[in-house]
Amino acid sequence: MDGIRMVLVGPNAGKDIELGGFRFEEGELILPSRGSEHAQRLLTRYYSAYPEGSLEGREAHRAWLASQGETPSARGASSAVSARDVENLQAQLEAAHRERESLLERARREREDLEAKLARAEAKAKAGATAGATENSAKGAPATEVPAGDTKAPKPAKSKAE
């Protein structure tokens, strides 16, 4: 290695960013090994950049995680909890999907039953109308006979002049 690798800690870790005139790529910068002490102090104090693998850098990283409410072990635990939550949600989704399919199947069967009843009723009505028409035509009466009680003469309108 030709220099000192400085690593960003905190919110800028892993970012491509320019700080104090220094260009960090993926949160890292290589300083020349000679004459860079002043730059190291500046980067450490003001920009949270530490020499890679340094004790100060590890402590700063732990402090950053603590300020964010995380610990290295808690990050692994939260991902395990997330995996468990994902499994539970997948199981709930599959159960809801099965219930939906069951309801759709039941609705399809009911529709088919109702269509069959309608077809039978239409066939029965058609057969009844055909049989009634043949009986009436044999008697000489029209096929559609209206009962005498249902027909009423319209009432005359009242005039306003009276």
C-alpha atoms as a PDB file:
ATOM      1  CA  MET A   1       0.000   0.000   0.000  1.00  0.00           C
ATOM      2  CA  ASP A   2       1.378   3.383  -1.014  1.00  0.00           C
ATOM      3  CA  GLY A   3      -0.238   5.451   1.717  1.00  0.00           C
ATOM      4  CA  ILE A   4      -2.587   5.655   4.641  1.00  0.00           C
ATOM      5  CA  ARG A   5      -6.137   4.569   3.916  1.00  0.00           C
ATOM      6  CA  MET A   6      -8.623   6.891   5.654  1.00  0.00           C
ATOM      7  CA  VAL A   7     -12.156   5.560   6.160  1.00  0.00           C
ATOM      8  CA  LEU A   8     -15.255   7.662   6.844  1.00  0.00           C
ATOM      9  CA  VAL A   9     -17.324   6.779   9.903  1.00  0.00           C
ATOM     10  CA  GLY A  10     -20.913   7.871  10.496  1.00  0.00           C
ATOM     11  CA  PRO A  11     -23.463   9.238   8.059  1.00  0.00           C
ATOM     12  CA  ASN A  12     -20.933   9.645   5.235  1.00  0.00           C
ATOM     13  CA  ALA A  13     -19.535   6.113   5.497  1.00  0.00           C
ATOM     14  CA  GLY A  14     -19.379   4.417   2.103  1.00  0.00           C
ATOM     15  CA  LYS A  15     -20.310   7.557   0.145  1.00  0.00           C
ATOM     16  CA  ASP A  16     -18.563   9.262  -2.737  1.00  0.00           C
ATOM     17  CA  ILE A  17     -18.053  12.733  -1.282  1.00  0.00           C
ATOM     18  CA  GLU A  18     -15.591  15.618  -1.161  1.00  0.00           C
ATOM     19  CA  LEU A  19     -14.723  16.886   2.323  1.00  0.00           C
ATOM     20  CA  GLY A  20     -12.139  19.562   3.100  1.00  0.00           C
ATOM     21  CA  GLY A  21     -10.777  19.359  -0.424  1.00  0.00           C
ATOM     22  CA  PHE A  22     -10.265  15.580  -0.193  1.00  0.00           C
ATOM     23  CA  ARG A  23     -12.199  13.285  -2.531  1.00  0.00           C
ATOM     24  CA  PHE A  24     -13.519  10.118  -0.830  1.00  0.00           C
ATOM     25  CA  GLU A  25     -14.624   7.283  -3.087  1.00  0.00           C
ATOM     26  CA  GLU A  26     -16.944   4.751  -1.442  1.00  0.00           C
ATOM     27  CA  GLY A  27     -16.013   6.307   1.912  1.00  0.00           C
ATOM     28  CA  GLU A  28     -12.259   5.780   1.501  1.00  0.00           C
ATOM     29  CA  LEU A  29      -9.270   8.007   0.716  1.00  0.00           C
ATOM     30  CA  ILE A  30      -5.578   7.183   0.447  1.00  0.00           C
ATOM     31  CA  LEU A  31      -3.226   9.827   1.859  1.00  0.00           C
ATOM     32  CA  PRO A  32       0.513   9.838   1.176  1.00  0.00           C
ATOM     33  CA  SER A  33       2.439   8.115   3.957  1.00  0.00           C
ATOM     34  CA  ARG A  34       4.856  11.063   4.422  1.00  0.00           C
ATOM     35  CA  GLY A  35       3.799  14.547   5.462  1.00  0.00           C
ATOM     36  CA  SER A  36       0.084  13.809   5.854  1.00  0.00           C
ATOM     37  CA  GLU A  37      -0.176  14.097   9.657  1.00  0.00           C
ATOM     38  CA  HIS A  38      -1.879  17.494   9.460  1.00  0.00           C
ATOM     39  CA  ALA A  39      -4.405  16.168   6.910  1.00  0.00           C
ATOM     40  CA  GLN A  40      -5.076  13.125   9.119  1.00  0.00           C
ATOM     41  CA  ARG A  41      -5.818  15.341  12.148  1.00  0.00           C
ATOM     42  CA  LEU A  42      -8.059  17.601  10.072  1.00  0.00           C
ATOM     43  CA  LEU A  43     -10.020  14.673   8.592  1.00  0.00           C
ATOM     44  CA  THR A  44     -10.335  12.944  11.960  1.00  0.00           C
ATOM     45  CA  ARG A  45     -11.441  16.005  13.923  1.00  0.00           C
ATOM     46  CA  TYR A  46     -13.861  17.592  11.472  1.00  0.00           C
ATOM     47  CA  TYR A  47     -15.005  14.873   9.079  1.00  0.00           C
ATOM     48  CA  SER A  48     -14.943  11.602  11.084  1.00  0.00           C
ATOM     49  CA  ALA A  49     -12.363   9.981   8.819  1.00  0.00           C
ATOM     50  CA  TYR A  50      -9.991   7.593  10.595  1.00  0.00           C
ATOM     51  CA  PRO A  51      -7.046   5.471   9.507  1.00  0.00           C
ATOM     52  CA  GLU A  52      -8.349   2.055   8.489  1.00  0.00           C
ATOM     53  CA  GLY A  53      -8.286  -0.446  11.364  1.00  0.00           C
ATOM     54  CA  SER A  54      -7.336   2.159  13.985  1.00  0.00           C
ATOM     55  CA  LEU A  55      -8.602   1.932  17.553  1.00  0.00           C
ATOM     56  CA  GLU A  56     -10.005   5.467  17.291  1.00  0.00           C
ATOM     57  CA  GLY A  57     -11.904   4.497  14.146  1.00  0.00           C
ATOM     58  CA  ARG A  58     -13.449   1.405  15.759  1.00  0.00           C
ATOM     59  CA  GLU A  59     -14.474   3.432  18.834  1.00  0.00           C
ATOM     60  CA  ALA A  60     -15.967   6.147  16.626  1.00  0.00           C
ATOM     61  CA  HIS A  61     -17.895   3.489  14.686  1.00  0.00           C
ATOM     62  CA  ARG A  62     -19.282   1.981  17.917  1.00  0.00           C
ATOM     63  CA  ALA A  63     -20.225   5.459  19.168  1.00  0.00           C
ATOM     64  CA  TRP A  64     -21.987   6.188  15.879  1.00  0.00           C
ATOM     65  CA  LEU A  65     -23.983   2.962  16.079  1.00  0.00           C
ATOM     66  CA  ALA A  66     -24.904   3.688  19.711  1.00  0.00           C
ATOM     67  CA  SER A  67     -26.102   7.181  18.796  1.00  0.00           C
ATOM     68  CA  GLN A  68     -28.326   5.624  16.135  1.00  0.00           C
ATOM     69  CA  GLY A  69     -29.743   3.127  18.617  1.00  0.00           C
ATOM     70  CA  GLU A  70     -27.892   0.167  17.152  1.00  0.00           C
ATOM     71  CA  THR A  71     -25.220  -2.186  18.325  1.00  0.00           C
ATOM     72  CA  PRO A  72     -23.380  -4.615  16.091  1.00  0.00           C
ATOM     73  CA  SER A  73     -25.252  -7.533  17.679  1.00  0.00           C
ATOM     74  CA  ALA A  74     -28.608  -5.722  17.528  1.00  0.00           C
ATOM     75  CA  ARG A  75     -28.306  -5.282  13.783  1.00  0.00           C
ATOM     76  CA  GLY A  76     -28.106  -9.053  13.316  1.00  0.00           C
ATOM     77  CA  ALA A  77     -31.005  -9.610  15.709  1.00  0.00           C
ATOM     78  CA  SER A  78     -33.199  -7.086  13.933  1.00  0.00           C
ATOM     79  CA  SER A  79     -32.615  -8.839  10.622  1.00  0.00           C
ATOM     80  CA  ALA A  80     -33.568 -12.155  12.263  1.00  0.00           C
ATOM     81  CA  VAL A  81     -36.766 -10.581  13.588  1.00  0.00           C
ATOM     82  CA  SER A  82     -37.454  -9.167  10.161  1.00  0.00           C
ATOM     83  CA  ALA A  83     -37.046 -12.605   8.600  1.00  0.00           C
ATOM     84  CA  ARG A  84     -39.503 -14.045  11.125  1.00  0.00           C
ATOM     85  CA  ASP A  85     -41.949 -11.233  10.400  1.00  0.00           C
ATOM     86  CA  VAL A  86     -41.600 -11.870   6.683  1.00  0.00           C
ATOM     87  CA  GLU A  87     -42.337 -15.573   7.179  1.00  0.00           C
ATOM     88  CA  ASN A  88     -45.428 -14.741   9.259  1.00  0.00           C
ATOM     89  CA  LEU A  89     -46.660 -12.280   6.654  1.00  0.00           C
ATOM     90  CA  GLN A  90     -46.102 -14.809   3.874  1.00  0.00           C
ATOM     91  CA  ALA A  91     -48.103 -17.419   5.794  1.00  0.00           C
ATOM     92  CA  GLN A  92     -50.928 -14.915   6.337  1.00  0.00           C
ATOM     93  CA  LEU A  93     -50.871 -13.986   2.663  1.00  0.00           C
ATOM     94  CA  GLU A  94     -51.064 -17.629   1.592  1.00  0.00           C
ATOM     95  CA  ALA A  95     -53.977 -18.258   3.991  1.00  0.00           C
ATOM     96  CA  ALA A  96     -55.821 -15.213   2.640  1.00  0.00           C
ATOM     97  CA  HIS A  97     -55.171 -16.421  -0.917  1.00  0.00           C
ATOM     98  CA  ARG A  98     -56.594 -19.882  -0.116  1.00  0.00           C
ATOM     99  CA  GLU A  99     -59.662 -18.294   1.506  1.00  0.00           C
ATOM    100  CA  ARG A 100     -60.170 -16.057  -1.537  1.00  0.00           C
ATOM    101  CA  GLU A 101     -59.949 -19.047  -3.887  1.00  0.00           C
ATOM    102  CA  SER A 102     -62.472 -20.924  -1.726  1.00  0.00           C
ATOM    103  CA  LEU A 103     -64.899 -17.990  -1.801  1.00  0.00           C
ATOM    104  CA  LEU A 104     -64.518 -17.642  -5.564  1.00  0.00           C
ATOM    105  CA  GLU A 105     -65.210 -21.356  -6.061  1.00  0.00           C
ATOM    106  CA  ARG A 106     -68.313 -21.176  -3.847  1.00  0.00           C
ATOM    107  CA  ALA A 107     -69.586 -18.112  -5.749  1.00  0.00           C
ATOM    108  CA  ARG A 108     -68.970 -19.890  -9.075  1.00  0.00           C
ATOM    109  CA  ARG A 109     -70.989 -22.929  -7.909  1.00  0.00           C
ATOM    110  CA  GLU A 110     -73.847 -20.700  -6.696  1.00  0.00           C
ATOM    111  CA  ARG A 111     -73.874 -18.871 -10.038  1.00  0.00           C
ATOM    112  CA  GLU A 112     -74.027 -22.173 -11.938  1.00  0.00           C
ATOM    113  CA  ASP A 113     -76.897 -23.382  -9.711  1.00  0.00           C
ATOM    114  CA  LEU A 114     -78.822 -20.150 -10.269  1.00  0.00           C
ATOM    115  CA  GLU A 115     -78.226 -20.323 -14.028  1.00  0.00           C
ATOM    116  CA  ALA A 116     -79.561 -23.895 -14.048  1.00  0.00           C
ATOM    117  CA  LYS A 117     -82.659 -22.865 -12.030  1.00  0.00           C
ATOM    118  CA  LEU A 118     -83.258 -19.959 -14.391  1.00  0.00           C
ATOM    119  CA  ALA A 119     -82.944 -22.217 -17.429  1.00  0.00           C
ATOM    120  CA  ARG A 120     -85.428 -24.706 -15.915  1.00  0.00           C
ATOM    121  CA  ALA A 121     -87.855 -21.902 -15.019  1.00  0.00           C
ATOM    122  CA  GLU A 122     -87.625 -20.411 -18.515  1.00  0.00           C
ATOM    123  CA  ALA A 123     -88.139 -23.826 -20.092  1.00  0.00           C
ATOM    124  CA  LYS A 124     -91.123 -24.485 -17.804  1.00  0.00           C
ATOM    125  CA  ALA A 125     -92.617 -21.062 -18.579  1.00  0.00           C
ATOM    126  CA  LYS A 126     -92.086 -21.568 -22.294  1.00  0.00           C
ATOM    127  CA  ALA A 127     -93.639 -25.026 -22.131  1.00  0.00           C
ATOM    128  CA  GLY A 128     -96.579 -23.640 -20.122  1.00  0.00           C
ATOM    129  CA  ALA A 129     -97.086 -20.746 -22.537  1.00  0.00           C
ATOM    130  CA  THR A 130     -96.923 -23.089 -25.517  1.00  0.00           C
ATOM    131  CA  ALA A 131     -99.403 -25.486 -23.907  1.00  0.00           C
ATOM    132  CA  GLY A 132    -101.744 -22.617 -22.970  1.00  0.00           C
ATOM    133  CA  ALA A 133    -101.559 -21.182 -26.467  1.00  0.00           C
ATOM    134  CA  THR A 134    -102.470 -24.499 -28.046  1.00  0.00           C
ATOM    135  CA  GLU A 135    -105.457 -24.920 -25.679  1.00  0.00           C
ATOM    136  CA  ASN A 136    -106.706 -21.385 -26.371  1.00  0.00           C
ATOM    137  CA  SER A 137    -106.263 -21.701 -30.114  1.00  0.00           C
ATOM    138  CA  ALA A 138    -108.225 -24.944 -29.989  1.00  0.00           C
ATOM    139  CA  LYS A 139    -111.086 -23.064 -28.270  1.00  0.00           C
ATOM    140  CA  GLY A 140    -110.839 -20.171 -30.701  1.00  0.00           C
ATOM    141  CA  ALA A 141    -109.717 -17.602 -28.092  1.00  0.00           C
ATOM    142  CA  PRO A 142    -106.641 -15.377 -28.388  1.00  0.00           C
ATOM    143  CA  ALA A 143    -103.419 -16.660 -26.776  1.00  0.00           C
ATOM    144  CA  THR A 144    -103.141 -13.685 -24.422  1.00  0.00           C
ATOM    145  CA  GLU A 145    -106.390 -13.243 -22.618  1.00  0.00           C
ATOM    146  CA  VAL A 146    -106.811 -10.311 -20.223  1.00  0.00           C
ATOM    147  CA  PRO A 147    -109.214 -10.756 -17.289  1.00  0.00           C
ATOM    148  CA  ALA A 148    -112.227  -8.460 -17.438  1.00  0.00           C
ATOM    149  CA  GLY A 149    -111.662  -7.067 -13.927  1.00  0.00           C
ATOM    150  CA  ASP A 150    -108.208  -5.696 -14.769  1.00  0.00           C
ATOM    151  CA  THR A 151    -109.338  -3.404 -17.581  1.00  0.00           C
ATOM    152  CA  LYS A 152    -110.915  -0.131 -16.503  1.00  0.00           C
ATOM    153  CA  ALA A 153    -111.947   2.757 -18.633  1.00  0.00           C
ATOM    154  CA  PRO A 154    -109.929   5.921 -17.992  1.00  0.00           C
ATOM    155  CA  LYS A 155    -111.668   8.626 -15.994  1.00  0.00           C
ATOM    156  CA  PRO A 156    -112.373  11.875 -17.762  1.00  0.00           C
ATOM    157  CA  ALA A 157    -110.150  14.752 -16.723  1.00  0.00           C
ATOM    158  CA  LYS A 158    -111.614  17.513 -14.613  1.00  0.00           C
ATOM    159  CA  SER A 159    -111.795  20.817 -16.337  1.00  0.00           C
ATOM    160  CA  LYS A 160    -110.585  23.951 -14.582  1.00  0.00           C
ATOM    161  CA  ALA A 161    -113.348  26.135 -15.959  1.00  0.00           C
ATOM    162  CA  GLU A 162    -116.038  24.469 -13.892  1.00  0.00           C
END
